[in-house]
Amino acid sequence: MKIIGISLLMMGCLMGFSLGIDILQGFDISQALYNAISPFRVMEIAELFVLFFLVFLFFTESVYLFIKQRKGNEGQK
């Protein structure tokens, strides 16, 4: 779960940094948000499938490791 938390924290910080730079450049908030998600708007279906598949594998592995670690700790009690 630490890996997921760190990844989400890093994503949030980087998106906030990107939005902050766009706002400092004079864009309004809606245009800054559009700029943040525009790379995903030009992706083809196959690229989106690969992206979501890799994200799914990342979360699945993290949850599996969390459950495995939790069951290992229960056996030691």
C-alpha atoms as a PDB file:
ATOM      1  CA  MET A   1       0.000   0.000   0.000  1.00  0.00           C
ATOM      2  CA  LYS A   2       2.992   2.278   0.491  1.00  0.00           C
ATOM      3  CA  ILE A   3       3.810   1.992  -3.211  1.00  0.00           C
ATOM      4  CA  ILE A   4       0.293   3.029  -4.222  1.00  0.00           C
ATOM      5  CA  GLY A   5       0.313   5.906  -1.741  1.00  0.00           C
ATOM      6  CA  ILE A   6       3.686   7.167  -2.896  1.00  0.00           C
ATOM      7  CA  SER A   7       2.668   6.868  -6.554  1.00  0.00           C
ATOM      8  CA  LEU A   8      -0.559   8.795  -5.985  1.00  0.00           C
ATOM      9  CA  LEU A   9       1.287  11.434  -3.954  1.00  0.00           C
ATOM     10  CA  MET A  10       3.872  11.875  -6.704  1.00  0.00           C
ATOM     11  CA  MET A  11       1.150  12.082  -9.365  1.00  0.00           C
ATOM     12  CA  GLY A  12      -0.725  14.688  -7.334  1.00  0.00           C
ATOM     13  CA  CYS A  13       2.398  16.775  -6.767  1.00  0.00           C
ATOM     14  CA  LEU A  14       3.393  16.669 -10.429  1.00  0.00           C
ATOM     15  CA  MET A  15      -0.124  17.536 -11.612  1.00  0.00           C
ATOM     16  CA  GLY A  16      -0.275  20.379  -9.098  1.00  0.00           C
ATOM     17  CA  PHE A  17       3.094  21.638 -10.314  1.00  0.00           C
ATOM     18  CA  SER A  18       1.925  21.449 -13.932  1.00  0.00           C
ATOM     19  CA  LEU A  19      -1.332  23.252 -13.132  1.00  0.00           C
ATOM     20  CA  GLY A  20       0.563  25.891 -11.157  1.00  0.00           C
ATOM     21  CA  ILE A  21       2.921  26.597 -14.035  1.00  0.00           C
ATOM     22  CA  ASP A  22      -0.003  26.856 -16.471  1.00  0.00           C
ATOM     23  CA  ILE A  23      -1.808  29.286 -14.171  1.00  0.00           C
ATOM     24  CA  LEU A  24       1.356  31.378 -13.772  1.00  0.00           C
ATOM     25  CA  GLN A  25       1.588  31.541 -17.563  1.00  0.00           C
ATOM     26  CA  GLY A  26      -1.839  33.135 -17.684  1.00  0.00           C
ATOM     27  CA  PHE A  27      -4.153  30.223 -18.432  1.00  0.00           C
ATOM     28  CA  ASP A  28      -7.395  29.962 -16.486  1.00  0.00           C
ATOM     29  CA  ILE A  29      -8.062  26.835 -14.411  1.00  0.00           C
ATOM     30  CA  SER A  30     -10.213  25.087 -17.028  1.00  0.00           C
ATOM     31  CA  GLN A  31      -7.555  25.534 -19.712  1.00  0.00           C
ATOM     32  CA  ALA A  32      -4.853  24.349 -17.297  1.00  0.00           C
ATOM     33  CA  LEU A  33      -6.865  21.186 -16.535  1.00  0.00           C
ATOM     34  CA  TYR A  34      -7.410  20.638 -20.266  1.00  0.00           C
ATOM     35  CA  ASN A  35      -3.645  20.904 -20.818  1.00  0.00           C
ATOM     36  CA  ALA A  36      -3.039  18.355 -18.041  1.00  0.00           C
ATOM     37  CA  ILE A  37      -5.289  15.699 -19.611  1.00  0.00           C
ATOM     38  CA  SER A  38      -4.692  16.484 -23.293  1.00  0.00           C
ATOM     39  CA  PRO A  39      -2.019  13.773 -23.773  1.00  0.00           C
ATOM     40  CA  PHE A  40      -4.682  11.167 -22.986  1.00  0.00           C
ATOM     41  CA  ARG A  41      -7.138  12.684 -25.475  1.00  0.00           C
ATOM     42  CA  VAL A  42      -4.892  11.977 -28.475  1.00  0.00           C
ATOM     43  CA  MET A  43      -4.132   8.349 -27.581  1.00  0.00           C
ATOM     44  CA  GLU A  44      -5.493   5.593 -29.787  1.00  0.00           C
ATOM     45  CA  ILE A  45      -7.572   2.706 -28.453  1.00  0.00           C
ATOM     46  CA  ALA A  46      -4.631   0.290 -28.392  1.00  0.00           C
ATOM     47  CA  GLU A  47      -2.485   2.788 -26.450  1.00  0.00           C
ATOM     48  CA  LEU A  48      -5.267   3.380 -23.936  1.00  0.00           C
ATOM     49  CA  PHE A  49      -5.716  -0.382 -23.526  1.00  0.00           C
ATOM     50  CA  VAL A  50      -2.003  -0.850 -22.802  1.00  0.00           C
ATOM     51  CA  LEU A  51      -2.012   2.100 -20.371  1.00  0.00           C
ATOM     52  CA  PHE A  52      -5.014   0.820 -18.407  1.00  0.00           C
ATOM     53  CA  PHE A  53      -3.656  -2.749 -18.481  1.00  0.00           C
ATOM     54  CA  LEU A  54      -0.345  -1.628 -16.968  1.00  0.00           C
ATOM     55  CA  VAL A  55      -2.134   0.465 -14.317  1.00  0.00           C
ATOM     56  CA  PHE A  56      -4.359  -2.538 -13.545  1.00  0.00           C
ATOM     57  CA  LEU A  57      -1.298  -4.786 -13.154  1.00  0.00           C
ATOM     58  CA  PHE A  58       0.352  -2.226 -10.872  1.00  0.00           C
ATOM     59  CA  PHE A  59      -2.657  -2.005  -8.546  1.00  0.00           C
ATOM     60  CA  THR A  60      -3.248  -5.771  -8.630  1.00  0.00           C
ATOM     61  CA  GLU A  61       0.347  -6.520  -7.661  1.00  0.00           C
ATOM     62  CA  SER A  62       0.266  -3.931  -4.873  1.00  0.00           C
ATOM     63  CA  VAL A  63      -2.964  -5.336  -3.427  1.00  0.00           C
ATOM     64  CA  TYR A  64      -1.617  -8.895  -3.704  1.00  0.00           C
ATOM     65  CA  LEU A  65       1.565  -7.985  -1.850  1.00  0.00           C
ATOM     66  CA  PHE A  66      -0.449  -6.144   0.823  1.00  0.00           C
ATOM     67  CA  ILE A  67      -2.724  -9.149   1.387  1.00  0.00           C
ATOM     68  CA  LYS A  68       0.233 -11.554   1.399  1.00  0.00           C
ATOM     69  CA  GLN A  69       2.081  -9.437   3.949  1.00  0.00           C
ATOM     70  CA  ARG A  70      -1.031  -9.114   6.121  1.00  0.00           C
ATOM     71  CA  LYS A  71      -1.633 -12.871   6.160  1.00  0.00           C
ATOM     72  CA  GLY A  72       2.035 -13.450   6.988  1.00  0.00           C
ATOM     73  CA  ASN A  73       1.776 -11.134   9.987  1.00  0.00           C
ATOM     74  CA  GLU A  74      -1.382 -12.899  11.243  1.00  0.00           C
ATOM     75  CA  GLY A  75       0.414 -16.252  11.187  1.00  0.00           C
ATOM     76  CA  GLN A  76       3.143 -14.923  13.467  1.00  0.00           C
ATOM     77  CA  LYS A  77       0.727 -13.886  16.235  1.00  0.00           C
END
